[in-house]
Amino acid sequence: MKREEVTKLEKFLRRSLASADLKLKPVPKKDDMLEVHRGEEFLGLVYKLEEDGELSYELRMAILEMDLEGL
């Protein structure tokens, strides 16, 4: 993805998820995918999807049972 596109997505996610320390990092050899990190912690992936001339982005985040312990 182009840097301008990544910057816009990063701003959107920071605002939407109320986390100023979110960072998007490119995935090597994948032009349609970004890693989502908070500090050093990996949170998930953002995929760029193009279908029937429509552009969208999908955020995928796995939540493990151990992540919920103590809540």
C-alpha atoms as a PDB file:
ATOM      1  CA  MET A   1       0.000   0.000   0.000  1.00  0.00           C
ATOM      2  CA  LYS A   2       1.105   3.545  -0.615  1.00  0.00           C
ATOM      3  CA  ARG A   3       2.398   5.546   2.358  1.00  0.00           C
ATOM      4  CA  GLU A   4      -0.489   8.043   2.066  1.00  0.00           C
ATOM      5  CA  GLU A   5      -3.001   5.199   2.305  1.00  0.00           C
ATOM      6  CA  VAL A   6      -1.229   3.721   5.340  1.00  0.00           C
ATOM      7  CA  THR A   7      -1.182   7.115   7.070  1.00  0.00           C
ATOM      8  CA  LYS A   8      -4.940   7.589   6.567  1.00  0.00           C
ATOM      9  CA  LEU A   9      -5.698   4.092   7.862  1.00  0.00           C
ATOM     10  CA  GLU A  10      -3.440   4.626  10.871  1.00  0.00           C
ATOM     11  CA  LYS A  11      -5.197   7.901  11.749  1.00  0.00           C
ATOM     12  CA  PHE A  12      -8.604   6.267  11.356  1.00  0.00           C
ATOM     13  CA  LEU A  13      -7.721   3.311  13.583  1.00  0.00           C
ATOM     14  CA  ARG A  14      -6.091   5.503  16.241  1.00  0.00           C
ATOM     15  CA  ARG A  15      -9.232   7.625  16.436  1.00  0.00           C
ATOM     16  CA  SER A  16     -11.707   4.737  16.187  1.00  0.00           C
ATOM     17  CA  LEU A  17      -9.942   2.540  18.742  1.00  0.00           C
ATOM     18  CA  ALA A  18      -8.912   5.445  20.997  1.00  0.00           C
ATOM     19  CA  SER A  19      -5.270   4.392  20.991  1.00  0.00           C
ATOM     20  CA  ALA A  20      -2.697   6.968  19.930  1.00  0.00           C
ATOM     21  CA  ASP A  21       0.121   4.422  19.995  1.00  0.00           C
ATOM     22  CA  LEU A  22      -1.253   2.180  17.217  1.00  0.00           C
ATOM     23  CA  LYS A  23       1.170   1.659  14.355  1.00  0.00           C
ATOM     24  CA  LEU A  24       0.679  -0.015  10.985  1.00  0.00           C
ATOM     25  CA  LYS A  25       3.620  -1.925   9.552  1.00  0.00           C
ATOM     26  CA  PRO A  26       3.923  -3.372   6.041  1.00  0.00           C
ATOM     27  CA  VAL A  27       4.045  -7.138   5.633  1.00  0.00           C
ATOM     28  CA  PRO A  28       7.040  -8.154   3.497  1.00  0.00           C
ATOM     29  CA  LYS A  29       6.075  -9.227  -0.039  1.00  0.00           C
ATOM     30  CA  LYS A  30       2.373  -8.400   0.580  1.00  0.00           C
ATOM     31  CA  ASP A  31       1.105  -5.173  -0.966  1.00  0.00           C
ATOM     32  CA  ASP A  32      -2.454  -5.642   0.319  1.00  0.00           C
ATOM     33  CA  MET A  33      -1.771  -6.323   3.997  1.00  0.00           C
ATOM     34  CA  LEU A  34      -0.550  -4.410   7.071  1.00  0.00           C
ATOM     35  CA  GLU A  35       0.238  -5.519  10.618  1.00  0.00           C
ATOM     36  CA  VAL A  36      -1.404  -3.593  13.469  1.00  0.00           C
ATOM     37  CA  HIS A  37       0.764  -3.044  16.555  1.00  0.00           C
ATOM     38  CA  ARG A  38       0.295  -1.239  19.853  1.00  0.00           C
ATOM     39  CA  GLY A  39       3.775  -0.567  21.061  1.00  0.00           C
ATOM     40  CA  GLU A  40       5.566  -3.893  20.551  1.00  0.00           C
ATOM     41  CA  GLU A  41       2.357  -5.936  20.839  1.00  0.00           C
ATOM     42  CA  PHE A  42       0.941  -7.428  17.625  1.00  0.00           C
ATOM     43  CA  LEU A  43      -2.837  -6.925  17.507  1.00  0.00           C
ATOM     44  CA  GLY A  44      -3.966  -8.059  14.076  1.00  0.00           C
ATOM     45  CA  LEU A  45      -3.945  -7.465  10.340  1.00  0.00           C
ATOM     46  CA  VAL A  46      -5.555  -4.977   7.967  1.00  0.00           C
ATOM     47  CA  TYR A  47      -6.381  -6.316   4.505  1.00  0.00           C
ATOM     48  CA  LYS A  48      -7.052  -4.189   1.435  1.00  0.00           C
ATOM     49  CA  LEU A  49      -9.979  -5.618  -0.533  1.00  0.00           C
ATOM     50  CA  GLU A  50     -11.073  -4.662  -4.031  1.00  0.00           C
ATOM     51  CA  GLU A  51     -14.223  -6.237  -5.416  1.00  0.00           C
ATOM     52  CA  ASP A  52     -16.493  -5.084  -8.237  1.00  0.00           C
ATOM     53  CA  GLY A  53     -14.706  -1.733  -8.343  1.00  0.00           C
ATOM     54  CA  GLU A  54     -15.287  -1.130  -4.615  1.00  0.00           C
ATOM     55  CA  LEU A  55     -12.368  -0.595  -2.238  1.00  0.00           C
ATOM     56  CA  SER A  56     -12.565  -1.533   1.431  1.00  0.00           C
ATOM     57  CA  TYR A  57     -10.298  -2.501   4.313  1.00  0.00           C
ATOM     58  CA  GLU A  58     -10.816  -5.332   6.759  1.00  0.00           C
ATOM     59  CA  LEU A  59      -9.352  -5.479  10.266  1.00  0.00           C
ATOM     60  CA  ARG A  60      -8.830  -9.000  11.637  1.00  0.00           C
ATOM     61  CA  MET A  61      -7.935  -9.457  15.268  1.00  0.00           C
ATOM     62  CA  ALA A  62      -7.715 -12.789  17.070  1.00  0.00           C
ATOM     63  CA  ILE A  63      -8.613 -12.767  20.766  1.00  0.00           C
ATOM     64  CA  LEU A  64      -7.229 -15.745  22.646  1.00  0.00           C
ATOM     65  CA  GLU A  65      -8.907 -17.179  25.725  1.00  0.00           C
ATOM     66  CA  MET A  66      -5.783 -16.358  27.768  1.00  0.00           C
ATOM     67  CA  ASP A  67      -6.189 -12.686  26.749  1.00  0.00           C
ATOM     68  CA  LEU A  68      -9.497 -12.640  28.629  1.00  0.00           C
ATOM     69  CA  GLU A  69      -8.197 -14.092  31.890  1.00  0.00           C
ATOM     70  CA  GLY A  70      -8.667 -11.772  34.820  1.00  0.00           C
ATOM     71  CA  LEU A  71     -11.302  -9.607  33.165  1.00  0.00           C
END
